[in-house]
C-alpha atoms as a PDB file:
ATOM      1  CA  MET A   1     -49.687 -91.198  71.141  1.00  0.00           C
ATOM      2  CA  THR A   2     -52.180 -92.772  68.735  1.00  0.00           C
ATOM      3  CA  LYS A   3     -55.633 -91.218  68.865  1.00  0.00           C
ATOM      4  CA  HIS A   4     -58.746 -93.321  69.155  1.00  0.00           C
ATOM      5  CA  VAL A   5     -61.016 -93.251  66.117  1.00  0.00           C
ATOM      6  CA  ALA A   6     -64.791 -92.973  66.039  1.00  0.00           C
ATOM      7  CA  GLU A   7     -66.568 -94.830  63.264  1.00  0.00           C
ATOM      8  CA  ILE A   8     -69.846 -93.010  62.753  1.00  0.00           C
ATOM      9  CA  VAL A   9     -72.515 -94.507  60.503  1.00  0.00           C
ATOM     10  CA  THR A  10     -75.770 -92.630  59.975  1.00  0.00           C
ATOM     11  CA  PHE A  11     -78.758 -94.099  58.124  1.00  0.00           C
ATOM     12  CA  HIS A  12     -82.524 -94.612  57.975  1.00  0.00           C
ATOM     13  CA  LEU A  13     -84.297 -97.922  58.288  1.00  0.00           C
ATOM     14  CA  ALA A  14     -85.775 -99.597  55.248  1.00  0.00           C
ATOM     15  CA  GLU A  15     -89.530 -99.457  54.899  1.00  0.00           C
ATOM     16  CA  GLY A  16     -91.252-102.038  57.060  1.00  0.00           C
ATOM     17  CA  VAL A  17     -88.323-102.550  59.471  1.00  0.00           C
ATOM     18  CA  SER A  18     -89.386-101.829  63.048  1.00  0.00           C
ATOM     19  CA  GLU A  19     -87.194-100.215  65.680  1.00  0.00           C
ATOM     20  CA  ALA A  20     -87.441-103.362  67.825  1.00  0.00           C
ATOM     21  CA  ASP A  21     -86.501-105.670  64.941  1.00  0.00           C
ATOM     22  CA  PHE A  22     -83.528-103.530  63.986  1.00  0.00           C
ATOM     23  CA  THR A  23     -82.267-103.257  67.553  1.00  0.00           C
ATOM     24  CA  SER A  24     -82.528-107.023  67.885  1.00  0.00           C
ATOM     25  CA  LEU A  25     -80.635-107.474  64.627  1.00  0.00           C
ATOM     26  CA  MET A  26     -77.863-105.168  65.799  1.00  0.00           C
ATOM     27  CA  ARG A  27     -77.568-107.088  69.054  1.00  0.00           C
ATOM     28  CA  ARG A  28     -76.604-110.089  66.905  1.00  0.00           C
ATOM     29  CA  THR A  29     -73.451-108.150  65.941  1.00  0.00           C
ATOM     30  CA  GLU A  30     -72.446-107.473  69.546  1.00  0.00           C
ATOM     31  CA  SER A  31     -70.303-110.538  70.245  1.00  0.00           C
ATOM     32  CA  PHE A  32     -68.399-110.087  66.988  1.00  0.00           C
ATOM     33  CA  VAL A  33     -67.663-106.387  67.559  1.00  0.00           C
ATOM     34  CA  ARG A  34     -66.853-106.838  71.242  1.00  0.00           C
ATOM     35  CA  ALA A  35     -64.328-109.608  70.426  1.00  0.00           C
ATOM     36  CA  GLN A  36     -62.343-107.510  67.939  1.00  0.00           C
ATOM     37  CA  PRO A  37     -58.898-106.284  68.964  1.00  0.00           C
ATOM     38  CA  GLY A  38     -58.951-102.531  69.387  1.00  0.00           C
ATOM     39  CA  PHE A  39     -62.665-102.252  70.211  1.00  0.00           C
ATOM     40  CA  ILE A  40     -63.352 -99.609  72.868  1.00  0.00           C
ATOM     41  CA  ALA A  41     -67.059 -98.666  72.898  1.00  0.00           C
ATOM     42  CA  ARG A  42     -70.257 -98.685  70.844  1.00  0.00           C
ATOM     43  CA  ARG A  43     -73.602 -96.882  70.918  1.00  0.00           C
ATOM     44  CA  LEU A  44     -76.658 -97.099  68.691  1.00  0.00           C
ATOM     45  CA  SER A  45     -79.081 -94.185  68.767  1.00  0.00           C
ATOM     46  CA  ARG A  46     -82.208 -93.003  66.955  1.00  0.00           C
ATOM     47  CA  GLY A  47     -83.074 -89.375  66.368  1.00  0.00           C
ATOM     48  CA  ALA A  48     -86.501 -87.769  66.504  1.00  0.00           C
ATOM     49  CA  ASP A  49     -86.384 -87.470  62.697  1.00  0.00           C
ATOM     50  CA  GLY A  50     -86.021 -91.258  62.326  1.00  0.00           C
ATOM     51  CA  SER A  51     -82.317 -91.181  61.533  1.00  0.00           C
ATOM     52  CA  TRP A  52     -80.058 -93.721  63.250  1.00  0.00           C
ATOM     53  CA  THR A  53     -76.405 -93.499  64.288  1.00  0.00           C
ATOM     54  CA  ASP A  54     -74.074 -96.415  64.996  1.00  0.00           C
ATOM     55  CA  HIS A  55     -71.083 -94.946  66.845  1.00  0.00           C
ATOM     56  CA  VAL A  56     -68.103 -97.266  67.441  1.00  0.00           C
ATOM     57  CA  VAL A  57     -64.781 -96.235  68.985  1.00  0.00           C
ATOM     58  CA  TRP A  58     -61.654 -98.122  67.916  1.00  0.00           C
ATOM     59  CA  GLN A  59     -58.072 -97.874  69.146  1.00  0.00           C
ATOM     60  CA  ASP A  60     -56.775 -96.287  65.917  1.00  0.00           C
ATOM     61  CA  MET A  61     -57.557 -95.507  62.271  1.00  0.00           C
ATOM     62  CA  ALA A  62     -56.040 -98.700  60.852  1.00  0.00           C
ATOM     63  CA  THR A  63     -58.184-100.830  63.155  1.00  0.00           C
ATOM     64  CA  ALA A  64     -61.332 -98.839  62.364  1.00  0.00           C
ATOM     65  CA  GLN A  65     -60.831 -99.192  58.618  1.00  0.00           C
ATOM     66  CA  GLN A  66     -60.007-102.898  58.852  1.00  0.00           C
ATOM     67  CA  MET A  67     -63.028-103.611  61.046  1.00  0.00           C
ATOM     68  CA  ALA A  68     -65.356-101.754  58.664  1.00  0.00           C
ATOM     69  CA  GLN A  69     -64.323-104.220  55.942  1.00  0.00           C
ATOM     70  CA  THR A  70     -64.362-107.263  58.216  1.00  0.00           C
ATOM     71  CA  PHE A  71     -67.856-106.413  59.525  1.00  0.00           C
ATOM     72  CA  MET A  72     -69.252-106.566  55.998  1.00  0.00           C
ATOM     73  CA  GLN A  73     -67.887-110.098  55.543  1.00  0.00           C
ATOM     74  CA  GLN A  74     -69.783-111.557  58.519  1.00  0.00           C
ATOM     75  CA  ASP A  75     -72.885-113.729  58.156  1.00  0.00           C
ATOM     76  CA  PHE A  76     -75.114-111.078  59.752  1.00  0.00           C
ATOM     77  CA  ALA A  77     -74.055-108.293  57.344  1.00  0.00           C
ATOM     78  CA  PRO A  78     -76.585-108.999  54.546  1.00  0.00           C
ATOM     79  CA  ALA A  79     -79.496-108.807  57.014  1.00  0.00           C
ATOM     80  CA  VAL A  80     -78.136-105.564  58.481  1.00  0.00           C
ATOM     81  CA  MET A  81     -77.779-104.030  55.023  1.00  0.00           C
ATOM     82  CA  ARG A  82     -81.309-105.095  53.986  1.00  0.00           C
ATOM     83  CA  ALA A  83     -82.673-103.363  57.110  1.00  0.00           C
ATOM     84  CA  ILE A  84     -81.084-100.042  56.105  1.00  0.00           C
ATOM     85  CA  ALA A  85     -82.804 -97.880  53.493  1.00  0.00           C
ATOM     86  CA  ASP A  86     -80.992 -97.941  50.150  1.00  0.00           C
ATOM     87  CA  GLY A  87     -78.658 -94.995  49.710  1.00  0.00           C
ATOM     88  CA  SER A  88     -79.168 -93.650  53.226  1.00  0.00           C
ATOM     89  CA  ALA A  89     -76.009 -94.965  54.930  1.00  0.00           C
ATOM     90  CA  ARG A  90     -73.073 -92.604  55.414  1.00  0.00           C
ATOM     91  CA  MET A  91     -69.882 -93.752  57.138  1.00  0.00           C
ATOM     92  CA  ARG A  92     -67.017 -91.623  58.329  1.00  0.00           C
ATOM     93  CA  HIS A  93     -63.989 -92.136  60.548  1.00  0.00           C
ATOM     94  CA  GLU A  94     -62.901 -89.310  62.828  1.00  0.00           C
ATOM     95  CA  GLU A  95     -60.042 -88.978  65.311  1.00  0.00           C
ATOM     96  CA  VAL A  96     -61.355 -88.555  68.831  1.00  0.00           C
ATOM     97  CA  GLN A  97     -59.967 -85.290  70.155  1.00  0.00           C
ATOM     98  CA  TRP A  98     -61.498 -85.416  73.618  1.00  0.00           C
ATOM     99  CA  SER A  99     -63.919 -87.600  75.537  1.00  0.00           C
ATOM    100  CA  MET A 100     -65.666 -87.426  78.855  1.00  0.00           C
ATOM    101  CA  LEU A 101     -66.726 -90.646  80.527  1.00  0.00           C
ATOM    102  CA  PRO A 102     -68.585 -91.129  83.800  1.00  0.00           C
END
């Protein structure tokens, strides 16, 4: 059985980018991500320290890696990258070992 893969991207916002503006910008990516084969779930969260996490679950590692590249080729990608503080983004892909859903 192939394990689902979590794509976890942590970052800080660039100076001058508001929480509301960034959330609105990320909503522009929703239809693209939702339409991708192998998409399972996505959450965007902000920590008390100002760090952000974009957490996307894909059907498998190959899909997660392919979608990470494809995302960066979309017309919204430059705006997303400008909204993230230089050097703050960290991406990793992890196999989901267990999940609990409502």
